[in-house]
């Protein structure tokens, strides 16, 4: 019990633990849509874009969440606008907008050199340095994104699996895509102080990919991905405390370990099914179709 309770004597650990659990859960939740819509690159790109906004906010002495949030939302809207042009693909749109924003941040750092002391924290996260304002921001974003996923569940389901058919059933793909991009930008802004620019993409993609290996049910995939993210945040904080290593890196390595275990378990299950003639279920692979029962009832 001493091993479990000792870290709670420190306020920085309690705050960091709460932030890690909340960020892990919300990243795992929205990461399901990122993975299923094959948008992994946008999470990586938007994090770099938000970094540029964070530097601009710091240089102009603007509140971090206000400056980085507005910059991230603007980047998300620009990506959607550019991606709709037939001659420019979505991947190119992401690359253009996000790398330009990141370059703005790097240029300002090289010019002013006043952001240097916060550079490592922005890139790699500083979960042990989170403040009460950070906790409030993470909580608000987590609640807002969860509400968005619940209220737009059927619309998101349509746009994820049948984007071409969605307009026929009255689902505005443009609005749903825009709101999703804004929600994703909000998650990244709230997470940047916890896991950093370089690791946000991993917290979005790995739990959802792990859940995809384990279940065919879309609803269960949402719950499992969020649970894996939260569990990695909890266990990662404890391990980083006792091992004295980066909290963000520990959380991501734990998520990667979950993925490896799920992949190995899936491979062993597939092998047993092939060895058993009466086996009728399909192997657990990333290529099998998601159960669309929810689509049929929507």
C-alpha atoms as a PDB file:
ATOM      1  CA  UNK A   1       0.000   0.000   0.000  1.00  0.00           C
ATOM      2  CA  UNK A   2       2.919   2.348   0.654  1.00  0.00           C
ATOM      3  CA  UNK A   3       4.036   2.061  -2.948  1.00  0.00           C
ATOM      4  CA  UNK A   4       0.568   3.076  -4.125  1.00  0.00           C
ATOM      5  CA  UNK A   5      -0.088   5.854  -1.632  1.00  0.00           C
ATOM      6  CA  UNK A   6       3.330   7.512  -1.368  1.00  0.00           C
ATOM      7  CA  UNK A   7       3.098   9.538  -4.641  1.00  0.00           C
ATOM      8  CA  UNK A   8      -0.244  11.033  -3.520  1.00  0.00           C
ATOM      9  CA  UNK A   9       1.612  12.987  -0.859  1.00  0.00           C
ATOM     10  CA  UNK A  10       2.730  15.334  -3.641  1.00  0.00           C
ATOM     11  CA  UNK A  11       0.280  17.753  -5.210  1.00  0.00           C
ATOM     12  CA  UNK A  12       2.095  17.714  -8.562  1.00  0.00           C
ATOM     13  CA  UNK A  13       1.537  13.960  -8.794  1.00  0.00           C
ATOM     14  CA  UNK A  14      -2.167  14.181  -7.965  1.00  0.00           C
ATOM     15  CA  UNK A  15      -2.693  16.865 -10.583  1.00  0.00           C
ATOM     16  CA  UNK A  16      -0.564  15.055 -13.149  1.00  0.00           C
ATOM     17  CA  UNK A  17      -2.398  11.782 -12.518  1.00  0.00           C
ATOM     18  CA  UNK A  18      -5.812  13.382 -13.055  1.00  0.00           C
ATOM     19  CA  UNK A  19      -4.635  15.147 -16.202  1.00  0.00           C
ATOM     20  CA  UNK A  20      -3.093  11.948 -17.616  1.00  0.00           C
ATOM     21  CA  UNK A  21      -6.249   9.914 -17.044  1.00  0.00           C
ATOM     22  CA  UNK A  22      -8.505  12.563 -18.603  1.00  0.00           C
ATOM     23  CA  UNK A  23      -6.229  13.129 -21.607  1.00  0.00           C
ATOM     24  CA  UNK A  24      -5.774   9.400 -22.137  1.00  0.00           C
ATOM     25  CA  UNK A  25      -9.525   8.804 -22.067  1.00  0.00           C
ATOM     26  CA  UNK A  26     -10.538  11.652 -24.385  1.00  0.00           C
ATOM     27  CA  UNK A  27      -7.719  10.927 -26.851  1.00  0.00           C
ATOM     28  CA  UNK A  28      -8.738   7.275 -26.901  1.00  0.00           C
ATOM     29  CA  UNK A  29     -12.370   8.232 -27.498  1.00  0.00           C
ATOM     30  CA  UNK A  30     -11.884  10.593 -30.418  1.00  0.00           C
ATOM     31  CA  UNK A  31      -8.981   8.505 -31.702  1.00  0.00           C
ATOM     32  CA  UNK A  32     -11.459   5.797 -32.772  1.00  0.00           C
ATOM     33  CA  UNK A  33     -12.809   8.115 -35.455  1.00  0.00           C
ATOM     34  CA  UNK A  34      -9.296   9.180 -36.416  1.00  0.00           C
ATOM     35  CA  UNK A  35      -8.249   5.559 -36.971  1.00  0.00           C
ATOM     36  CA  UNK A  36     -11.402   4.361 -38.723  1.00  0.00           C
ATOM     37  CA  UNK A  37     -11.426   7.372 -41.053  1.00  0.00           C
ATOM     38  CA  UNK A  38      -7.704   6.869 -41.741  1.00  0.00           C
ATOM     39  CA  UNK A  39      -6.900  10.367 -40.469  1.00  0.00           C
ATOM     40  CA  UNK A  40      -3.882   9.479 -38.324  1.00  0.00           C
ATOM     41  CA  UNK A  41      -1.783  12.068 -40.105  1.00  0.00           C
ATOM     42  CA  UNK A  42      -4.129  14.904 -39.138  1.00  0.00           C
ATOM     43  CA  UNK A  43      -3.521  14.307 -35.427  1.00  0.00           C
ATOM     44  CA  UNK A  44       0.212  14.546 -35.961  1.00  0.00           C
ATOM     45  CA  UNK A  45      -0.184  17.585 -38.204  1.00  0.00           C
ATOM     46  CA  UNK A  46      -2.577  19.535 -35.987  1.00  0.00           C
ATOM     47  CA  UNK A  47      -0.271  19.078 -32.997  1.00  0.00           C
ATOM     48  CA  UNK A  48       2.521  20.758 -34.957  1.00  0.00           C
ATOM     49  CA  UNK A  49       0.134  23.502 -36.015  1.00  0.00           C
ATOM     50  CA  UNK A  50      -0.924  24.115 -32.413  1.00  0.00           C
ATOM     51  CA  UNK A  51       2.748  24.385 -31.458  1.00  0.00           C
ATOM     52  CA  UNK A  52       3.028  27.372 -33.795  1.00  0.00           C
ATOM     53  CA  UNK A  53      -0.002  28.937 -32.153  1.00  0.00           C
ATOM     54  CA  UNK A  54       1.467  28.312 -28.697  1.00  0.00           C
ATOM     55  CA  UNK A  55       4.651  30.168 -29.612  1.00  0.00           C
ATOM     56  CA  UNK A  56       2.667  33.063 -31.089  1.00  0.00           C
ATOM     57  CA  UNK A  57       0.558  33.259 -27.911  1.00  0.00           C
ATOM     58  CA  UNK A  58       3.681  33.263 -25.737  1.00  0.00           C
ATOM     59  CA  UNK A  59       5.453  35.950 -27.747  1.00  0.00           C
ATOM     60  CA  UNK A  60       2.343  38.174 -27.788  1.00  0.00           C
ATOM     61  CA  UNK A  61       1.676  37.549 -24.063  1.00  0.00           C
ATOM     62  CA  UNK A  62      -1.728  36.024 -24.830  1.00  0.00           C
ATOM     63  CA  UNK A  63      -3.315  33.289 -22.740  1.00  0.00           C
ATOM     64  CA  UNK A  64      -1.990  29.932 -23.967  1.00  0.00           C
ATOM     65  CA  UNK A  65      -5.346  28.245 -24.407  1.00  0.00           C
ATOM     66  CA  UNK A  66      -6.868  31.260 -26.113  1.00  0.00           C
ATOM     67  CA  UNK A  67      -3.991  31.715 -28.567  1.00  0.00           C
ATOM     68  CA  UNK A  68      -3.255  28.040 -29.255  1.00  0.00           C
ATOM     69  CA  UNK A  69      -6.960  27.200 -29.346  1.00  0.00           C
ATOM     70  CA  UNK A  70      -7.837  29.855 -31.912  1.00  0.00           C
ATOM     71  CA  UNK A  71      -4.786  28.913 -33.984  1.00  0.00           C
ATOM     72  CA  UNK A  72      -5.694  25.232 -33.845  1.00  0.00           C
ATOM     73  CA  UNK A  73      -9.332  25.875 -34.787  1.00  0.00           C
ATOM     74  CA  UNK A  74      -8.265  28.103 -37.680  1.00  0.00           C
ATOM     75  CA  UNK A  75      -5.844  25.416 -38.883  1.00  0.00           C
ATOM     76  CA  UNK A  76      -8.584  22.781 -38.745  1.00  0.00           C
ATOM     77  CA  UNK A  77     -10.928  24.993 -40.786  1.00  0.00           C
ATOM     78  CA  UNK A  78      -8.199  25.733 -43.321  1.00  0.00           C
ATOM     79  CA  UNK A  79      -7.411  22.033 -43.704  1.00  0.00           C
ATOM     80  CA  UNK A  80     -11.075  21.278 -44.384  1.00  0.00           C
ATOM     81  CA  UNK A  81     -11.319  24.148 -46.866  1.00  0.00           C
ATOM     82  CA  UNK A  82      -8.168  23.186 -48.771  1.00  0.00           C
ATOM     83  CA  UNK A  83      -9.024  19.461 -48.729  1.00  0.00           C
ATOM     84  CA  UNK A  84     -12.326  20.143 -50.502  1.00  0.00           C
ATOM     85  CA  UNK A  85     -10.466  21.415 -53.564  1.00  0.00           C
ATOM     86  CA  UNK A  86     -10.319  18.567 -56.043  1.00  0.00           C
ATOM     87  CA  UNK A  87      -6.776  19.312 -57.150  1.00  0.00           C
ATOM     88  CA  UNK A  88      -5.408  19.193 -53.608  1.00  0.00           C
ATOM     89  CA  UNK A  89      -5.712  15.983 -51.568  1.00  0.00           C
ATOM     90  CA  UNK A  90      -6.454  15.902 -47.857  1.00  0.00           C
ATOM     91  CA  UNK A  91      -2.922  14.721 -47.009  1.00  0.00           C
ATOM     92  CA  UNK A  92      -1.414  17.590 -48.978  1.00  0.00           C
ATOM     93  CA  UNK A  93      -3.778  20.068 -47.294  1.00  0.00           C
ATOM     94  CA  UNK A  94      -2.702  18.847 -43.867  1.00  0.00           C
ATOM     95  CA  UNK A  95       0.966  19.082 -44.813  1.00  0.00           C
ATOM     96  CA  UNK A  96       0.659  22.605 -46.195  1.00  0.00           C
ATOM     97  CA  UNK A  97      -1.262  24.125 -43.296  1.00  0.00           C
ATOM     98  CA  UNK A  98       0.419  22.372 -40.387  1.00  0.00           C
ATOM     99  CA  UNK A  99       4.028  22.613 -41.531  1.00  0.00           C
ATOM    100  CA  UNK A 100       3.559  26.301 -42.299  1.00  0.00           C
ATOM    101  CA  UNK A 101       2.186  26.859 -38.779  1.00  0.00           C
ATOM    102  CA  UNK A 102       5.043  24.897 -37.221  1.00  0.00           C
ATOM    103  CA  UNK A 103       7.518  26.941 -39.273  1.00  0.00           C
ATOM    104  CA  UNK A 104       5.986  30.133 -37.880  1.00  0.00           C
ATOM    105  CA  UNK A 105       6.681  28.871 -34.369  1.00  0.00           C
ATOM    106  CA  UNK A 106      10.263  27.882 -35.165  1.00  0.00           C
ATOM    107  CA  UNK A 107      10.898  31.251 -36.860  1.00  0.00           C
ATOM    108  CA  UNK A 108       9.616  33.152 -33.820  1.00  0.00           C
ATOM    109  CA  UNK A 109      11.740  31.050 -31.472  1.00  0.00           C
ATOM    110  CA  UNK A 110      14.864  31.702 -33.533  1.00  0.00           C
ATOM    111  CA  UNK A 111      14.021  35.395 -33.671  1.00  0.00           C
ATOM    112  CA  UNK A 112      13.078  36.151 -30.066  1.00  0.00           C
ATOM    113  CA  UNK A 113      14.804  33.253 -28.254  1.00  0.00           C
ATOM    114  CA  UNK A 114      12.465  33.907 -25.344  1.00  0.00           C
ATOM    115  CA  UNK A 115      10.540  30.646 -25.717  1.00  0.00           C
ATOM    116  CA  UNK A 116      13.626  28.434 -25.472  1.00  0.00           C
ATOM    117  CA  UNK A 117      13.123  27.478 -21.827  1.00  0.00           C
ATOM    118  CA  UNK A 118       9.622  26.185 -22.599  1.00  0.00           C
ATOM    119  CA  UNK A 119      10.626  24.456 -25.838  1.00  0.00           C
ATOM    120  CA  UNK A 120      11.199  20.991 -24.345  1.00  0.00           C
ATOM    121  CA  UNK A 121       7.955  21.131 -22.359  1.00  0.00           C
ATOM    122  CA  UNK A 122       5.966  22.047 -25.476  1.00  0.00           C
ATOM    123  CA  UNK A 123       7.557  19.306 -27.584  1.00  0.00           C
ATOM    124  CA  UNK A 124       7.694  16.477 -25.049  1.00  0.00           C
ATOM    125  CA  UNK A 125       5.095  17.469 -22.459  1.00  0.00           C
ATOM    126  CA  UNK A 126       5.393  18.362 -18.785  1.00  0.00           C
ATOM    127  CA  UNK A 127       2.610  16.500 -17.018  1.00  0.00           C
ATOM    128  CA  UNK A 128       4.205  17.050 -13.610  1.00  0.00           C
ATOM    129  CA  UNK A 129       4.014  20.798 -14.173  1.00  0.00           C
ATOM    130  CA  UNK A 130       0.303  21.029 -14.973  1.00  0.00           C
ATOM    131  CA  UNK A 131      -1.587  23.785 -13.195  1.00  0.00           C
ATOM    132  CA  UNK A 132      -5.153  24.120 -11.975  1.00  0.00           C
ATOM    133  CA  UNK A 133      -5.920  26.033 -15.183  1.00  0.00           C
ATOM    134  CA  UNK A 134      -4.619  23.066 -17.190  1.00  0.00           C
ATOM    135  CA  UNK A 135      -6.852  20.678 -15.239  1.00  0.00           C
ATOM    136  CA  UNK A 136      -9.895  22.883 -15.856  1.00  0.00           C
ATOM    137  CA  UNK A 137      -9.111  23.090 -19.575  1.00  0.00           C
ATOM    138  CA  UNK A 138      -8.653  19.313 -19.870  1.00  0.00           C
ATOM    139  CA  UNK A 139     -11.892  18.647 -17.970  1.00  0.00           C
ATOM    140  CA  UNK A 140     -13.922  21.111 -20.042  1.00  0.00           C
ATOM    141  CA  UNK A 141     -12.581  19.725 -23.334  1.00  0.00           C
ATOM    142  CA  UNK A 142     -13.118  16.113 -22.242  1.00  0.00           C
ATOM    143  CA  UNK A 143     -16.733  16.817 -21.259  1.00  0.00           C
ATOM    144  CA  UNK A 144     -17.405  18.804 -24.452  1.00  0.00           C
ATOM    145  CA  UNK A 145     -15.919  16.140 -26.736  1.00  0.00           C
ATOM    146  CA  UNK A 146     -17.793  13.358 -24.937  1.00  0.00           C
ATOM    147  CA  UNK A 147     -21.038  15.302 -25.328  1.00  0.00           C
ATOM    148  CA  UNK A 148     -20.249  15.842 -29.022  1.00  0.00           C
ATOM    149  CA  UNK A 149     -19.653  12.127 -29.599  1.00  0.00           C
ATOM    150  CA  UNK A 150     -22.902  11.208 -27.793  1.00  0.00           C
ATOM    151  CA  UNK A 151     -25.089  13.840 -29.485  1.00  0.00           C
ATOM    152  CA  UNK A 152     -23.630  13.269 -32.965  1.00  0.00           C
ATOM    153  CA  UNK A 153     -23.195   9.510 -32.600  1.00  0.00           C
ATOM    154  CA  UNK A 154     -25.347   8.496 -35.582  1.00  0.00           C
ATOM    155  CA  UNK A 155     -24.087  11.331 -37.788  1.00  0.00           C
ATOM    156  CA  UNK A 156     -20.476  10.482 -37.030  1.00  0.00           C
ATOM    157  CA  UNK A 157     -21.246   6.828 -37.704  1.00  0.00           C
ATOM    158  CA  UNK A 158     -22.682   7.656 -41.119  1.00  0.00           C
ATOM    159  CA  UNK A 159     -19.818   9.947 -42.105  1.00  0.00           C
ATOM    160  CA  UNK A 160     -17.256   7.406 -40.898  1.00  0.00           C
ATOM    161  CA  UNK A 161     -18.584   4.353 -42.746  1.00  0.00           C
ATOM    162  CA  UNK A 162     -20.721   5.707 -45.612  1.00  0.00           C
ATOM    163  CA  UNK A 163     -19.630   9.306 -46.330  1.00  0.00           C
ATOM    164  CA  UNK A 164     -21.066   9.187 -49.847  1.00  0.00           C
ATOM    165  CA  UNK A 165     -24.472   7.959 -48.705  1.00  0.00           C
ATOM    166  CA  UNK A 166     -24.738  10.233 -45.646  1.00  0.00           C
ATOM    167  CA  UNK A 167     -26.140  13.297 -47.536  1.00  0.00           C
ATOM    168  CA  UNK A 168     -28.977  11.150 -48.919  1.00  0.00           C
ATOM    169  CA  UNK A 169     -30.178  10.564 -45.360  1.00  0.00           C
ATOM    170  CA  UNK A 170     -29.932  14.255 -44.495  1.00  0.00           C
ATOM    171  CA  UNK A 171     -26.518  14.137 -42.807  1.00  0.00           C
ATOM    172  CA  UNK A 172     -24.437  17.181 -43.710  1.00  0.00           C
ATOM    173  CA  UNK A 173     -20.970  15.740 -44.205  1.00  0.00           C
ATOM    174  CA  UNK A 174     -19.361  19.183 -44.390  1.00  0.00           C
ATOM    175  CA  UNK A 175     -20.715  20.305 -41.021  1.00  0.00           C
ATOM    176  CA  UNK A 176     -19.903  17.015 -39.312  1.00  0.00           C
ATOM    177  CA  UNK A 177     -16.352  17.052 -40.688  1.00  0.00           C
ATOM    178  CA  UNK A 178     -15.889  20.651 -39.544  1.00  0.00           C
ATOM    179  CA  UNK A 179     -17.191  19.985 -36.031  1.00  0.00           C
ATOM    180  CA  UNK A 180     -15.049  16.863 -35.784  1.00  0.00           C
ATOM    181  CA  UNK A 181     -11.941  18.795 -36.843  1.00  0.00           C
ATOM    182  CA  UNK A 182     -12.686  21.463 -34.217  1.00  0.00           C
ATOM    183  CA  UNK A 183     -13.188  18.796 -31.538  1.00  0.00           C
ATOM    184  CA  UNK A 184      -9.903  17.165 -32.507  1.00  0.00           C
ATOM    185  CA  UNK A 185      -8.114  20.520 -32.377  1.00  0.00           C
ATOM    186  CA  UNK A 186      -9.569  21.147 -28.919  1.00  0.00           C
ATOM    187  CA  UNK A 187      -8.308  17.780 -27.673  1.00  0.00           C
ATOM    188  CA  UNK A 188      -4.829  18.482 -29.010  1.00  0.00           C
ATOM    189  CA  UNK A 189      -4.694  21.947 -27.434  1.00  0.00           C
ATOM    190  CA  UNK A 190      -5.761  20.546 -24.057  1.00  0.00           C
ATOM    191  CA  UNK A 191      -3.273  17.659 -24.298  1.00  0.00           C
ATOM    192  CA  UNK A 192      -0.157  19.498 -25.428  1.00  0.00           C
ATOM    193  CA  UNK A 193       0.987  20.335 -21.874  1.00  0.00           C
ATOM    194  CA  UNK A 194       0.540  16.720 -20.800  1.00  0.00           C
ATOM    195  CA  UNK A 195       2.105  14.596 -23.560  1.00  0.00           C
ATOM    196  CA  UNK A 196       3.694  17.206 -25.831  1.00  0.00           C
ATOM    197  CA  UNK A 197       3.589  17.831 -29.564  1.00  0.00           C
ATOM    198  CA  UNK A 198       5.660  14.793 -30.522  1.00  0.00           C
ATOM    199  CA  UNK A 199       3.542  12.233 -28.646  1.00  0.00           C
ATOM    200  CA  UNK A 200      -0.048  13.428 -29.137  1.00  0.00           C
ATOM    201  CA  UNK A 201      -0.502  11.463 -32.362  1.00  0.00           C
ATOM    202  CA  UNK A 202       0.438   8.256 -30.526  1.00  0.00           C
ATOM    203  CA  UNK A 203      -2.159   8.802 -27.780  1.00  0.00           C
ATOM    204  CA  UNK A 204      -4.795   9.290 -30.474  1.00  0.00           C
ATOM    205  CA  UNK A 205      -3.913   6.304 -32.632  1.00  0.00           C
ATOM    206  CA  UNK A 206      -2.545   3.502 -30.434  1.00  0.00           C
ATOM    207  CA  UNK A 207      -5.492   2.897 -28.027  1.00  0.00           C
ATOM    208  CA  UNK A 208      -7.994   2.978 -30.895  1.00  0.00           C
ATOM    209  CA  UNK A 209      -5.863   0.601 -32.980  1.00  0.00           C
ATOM    210  CA  UNK A 210      -5.593  -1.748 -30.010  1.00  0.00           C
ATOM    211  CA  UNK A 211      -9.354  -1.714 -29.493  1.00  0.00           C
ATOM    212  CA  UNK A 212      -9.800  -2.396 -33.211  1.00  0.00           C
ATOM    213  CA  UNK A 213      -7.787  -5.591 -32.827  1.00  0.00           C
ATOM    214  CA  UNK A 214      -9.956  -6.793 -29.960  1.00  0.00           C
ATOM    215  CA  UNK A 215     -13.550  -6.074 -31.003  1.00  0.00           C
ATOM    216  CA  UNK A 216     -15.797  -5.727 -34.044  1.00  0.00           C
ATOM    217  CA  UNK A 217     -18.430  -3.694 -32.209  1.00  0.00           C
ATOM    218  CA  UNK A 218     -18.215   0.046 -32.792  1.00  0.00           C
ATOM    219  CA  UNK A 219     -19.716   0.961 -29.403  1.00  0.00           C
ATOM    220  CA  UNK A 220     -17.387  -1.431 -27.561  1.00  0.00           C
ATOM    221  CA  UNK A 221     -14.468  -0.058 -29.525  1.00  0.00           C
ATOM    222  CA  UNK A 222     -15.240   3.463 -28.275  1.00  0.00           C
ATOM    223  CA  UNK A 223     -15.476   2.304 -24.649  1.00  0.00           C
ATOM    224  CA  UNK A 224     -12.400   0.070 -24.834  1.00  0.00           C
ATOM    225  CA  UNK A 225     -10.222   2.690 -26.522  1.00  0.00           C
ATOM    226  CA  UNK A 226     -11.112   5.313 -23.905  1.00  0.00           C
ATOM    227  CA  UNK A 227     -10.487   2.788 -21.115  1.00  0.00           C
ATOM    228  CA  UNK A 228      -7.098   1.803 -22.525  1.00  0.00           C
ATOM    229  CA  UNK A 229      -6.076   5.445 -22.800  1.00  0.00           C
ATOM    230  CA  UNK A 230      -7.133   6.182 -19.230  1.00  0.00           C
ATOM    231  CA  UNK A 231      -5.430   3.025 -17.915  1.00  0.00           C
ATOM    232  CA  UNK A 232      -2.191   3.919 -19.685  1.00  0.00           C
ATOM    233  CA  UNK A 233      -2.378   7.391 -18.129  1.00  0.00           C
ATOM    234  CA  UNK A 234      -2.861   5.931 -14.651  1.00  0.00           C
ATOM    235  CA  UNK A 235      -0.198   3.227 -14.853  1.00  0.00           C
ATOM    236  CA  UNK A 236       2.182   5.446 -16.813  1.00  0.00           C
ATOM    237  CA  UNK A 237       2.197   8.083 -14.105  1.00  0.00           C
ATOM    238  CA  UNK A 238       3.036   5.510 -11.441  1.00  0.00           C
ATOM    239  CA  UNK A 239       5.810   3.937 -13.501  1.00  0.00           C
ATOM    240  CA  UNK A 240       7.309   7.295 -14.445  1.00  0.00           C
ATOM    241  CA  UNK A 241       7.338   8.297 -10.770  1.00  0.00           C
ATOM    242  CA  UNK A 242       9.206   5.201  -9.628  1.00  0.00           C
ATOM    243  CA  UNK A 243      11.464   4.873 -12.677  1.00  0.00           C
ATOM    244  CA  UNK A 244      12.179   8.610 -12.883  1.00  0.00           C
ATOM    245  CA  UNK A 245      11.542   8.839 -16.633  1.00  0.00           C
ATOM    246  CA  UNK A 246       9.370  11.047 -18.815  1.00  0.00           C
ATOM    247  CA  UNK A 247       5.670  10.622 -18.000  1.00  0.00           C
ATOM    248  CA  UNK A 248       4.486  11.240 -21.560  1.00  0.00           C
ATOM    249  CA  UNK A 249       6.933   8.713 -23.003  1.00  0.00           C
ATOM    250  CA  UNK A 250       6.005   6.126 -20.363  1.00  0.00           C
ATOM    251  CA  UNK A 251       2.298   6.501 -21.154  1.00  0.00           C
ATOM    252  CA  UNK A 252       2.899   6.040 -24.882  1.00  0.00           C
ATOM    253  CA  UNK A 253       5.176   3.031 -24.307  1.00  0.00           C
ATOM    254  CA  UNK A 254       2.475   1.430 -22.165  1.00  0.00           C
ATOM    255  CA  UNK A 255      -0.082   2.014 -24.915  1.00  0.00           C
ATOM    256  CA  UNK A 256       2.308   0.440 -27.403  1.00  0.00           C
ATOM    257  CA  UNK A 257       2.692  -2.544 -25.048  1.00  0.00           C
ATOM    258  CA  UNK A 258      -1.099  -2.954 -24.939  1.00  0.00           C
ATOM    259  CA  UNK A 259      -1.131  -2.966 -28.740  1.00  0.00           C
ATOM    260  CA  UNK A 260       1.592  -5.621 -28.934  1.00  0.00           C
ATOM    261  CA  UNK A 261      -0.247  -7.824 -26.427  1.00  0.00           C
ATOM    262  CA  UNK A 262      -3.489  -7.472 -28.398  1.00  0.00           C
ATOM    263  CA  UNK A 263      -1.705  -8.283 -31.658  1.00  0.00           C
ATOM    264  CA  UNK A 264      -0.033 -11.365 -30.160  1.00  0.00           C
ATOM    265  CA  UNK A 265      -3.304 -12.522 -28.610  1.00  0.00           C
ATOM    266  CA  UNK A 266      -5.058 -12.042 -31.953  1.00  0.00           C
ATOM    267  CA  UNK A 267      -2.369 -13.993 -33.809  1.00  0.00           C
ATOM    268  CA  UNK A 268      -2.557 -16.869 -31.315  1.00  0.00           C
ATOM    269  CA  UNK A 269      -6.358 -16.900 -31.497  1.00  0.00           C
ATOM    270  CA  UNK A 270      -6.208 -16.967 -35.282  1.00  0.00           C
ATOM    271  CA  UNK A 271      -3.769 -19.864 -35.209  1.00  0.00           C
ATOM    272  CA  UNK A 272      -5.990 -21.867 -32.858  1.00  0.00           C
ATOM    273  CA  UNK A 273      -8.997 -21.272 -35.117  1.00  0.00           C
ATOM    274  CA  UNK A 274      -7.092 -22.534 -38.139  1.00  0.00           C
ATOM    275  CA  UNK A 275      -6.044 -25.634 -36.227  1.00  0.00           C
ATOM    276  CA  UNK A 276      -9.655 -26.320 -35.172  1.00  0.00           C
ATOM    277  CA  UNK A 277     -11.792 -27.476 -38.150  1.00  0.00           C
ATOM    278  CA  UNK A 278     -15.061 -26.479 -36.457  1.00  0.00           C
ATOM    279  CA  UNK A 279     -13.982 -22.888 -35.944  1.00  0.00           C
ATOM    280  CA  UNK A 280     -16.261 -20.459 -37.711  1.00  0.00           C
ATOM    281  CA  UNK A 281     -15.273 -17.058 -36.396  1.00  0.00           C
ATOM    282  CA  UNK A 282     -12.879 -14.827 -38.276  1.00  0.00           C
ATOM    283  CA  UNK A 283      -9.394 -13.971 -36.974  1.00  0.00           C
ATOM    284  CA  UNK A 284      -8.783 -10.748 -35.173  1.00  0.00           C
ATOM    285  CA  UNK A 285      -7.147  -8.547 -37.766  1.00  0.00           C
ATOM    286  CA  UNK A 286      -7.214  -4.878 -38.653  1.00  0.00           C
ATOM    287  CA  UNK A 287      -8.831  -5.682 -42.011  1.00  0.00           C
ATOM    288  CA  UNK A 288     -12.066  -7.256 -40.814  1.00  0.00           C
ATOM    289  CA  UNK A 289     -15.221  -5.143 -41.098  1.00  0.00           C
ATOM    290  CA  UNK A 290     -16.702  -3.301 -38.170  1.00  0.00           C
ATOM    291  CA  UNK A 291     -20.092  -4.562 -36.975  1.00  0.00           C
ATOM    292  CA  UNK A 292     -22.603  -2.182 -38.560  1.00  0.00           C
ATOM    293  CA  UNK A 293     -25.627  -3.078 -36.481  1.00  0.00           C
ATOM    294  CA  UNK A 294     -25.681   0.464 -35.137  1.00  0.00           C
ATOM    295  CA  UNK A 295     -25.800   1.760 -38.726  1.00  0.00           C
ATOM    296  CA  UNK A 296     -28.799  -0.394 -39.535  1.00  0.00           C
ATOM    297  CA  UNK A 297     -30.746   0.910 -36.542  1.00  0.00           C
ATOM    298  CA  UNK A 298     -29.834   4.532 -37.275  1.00  0.00           C
END
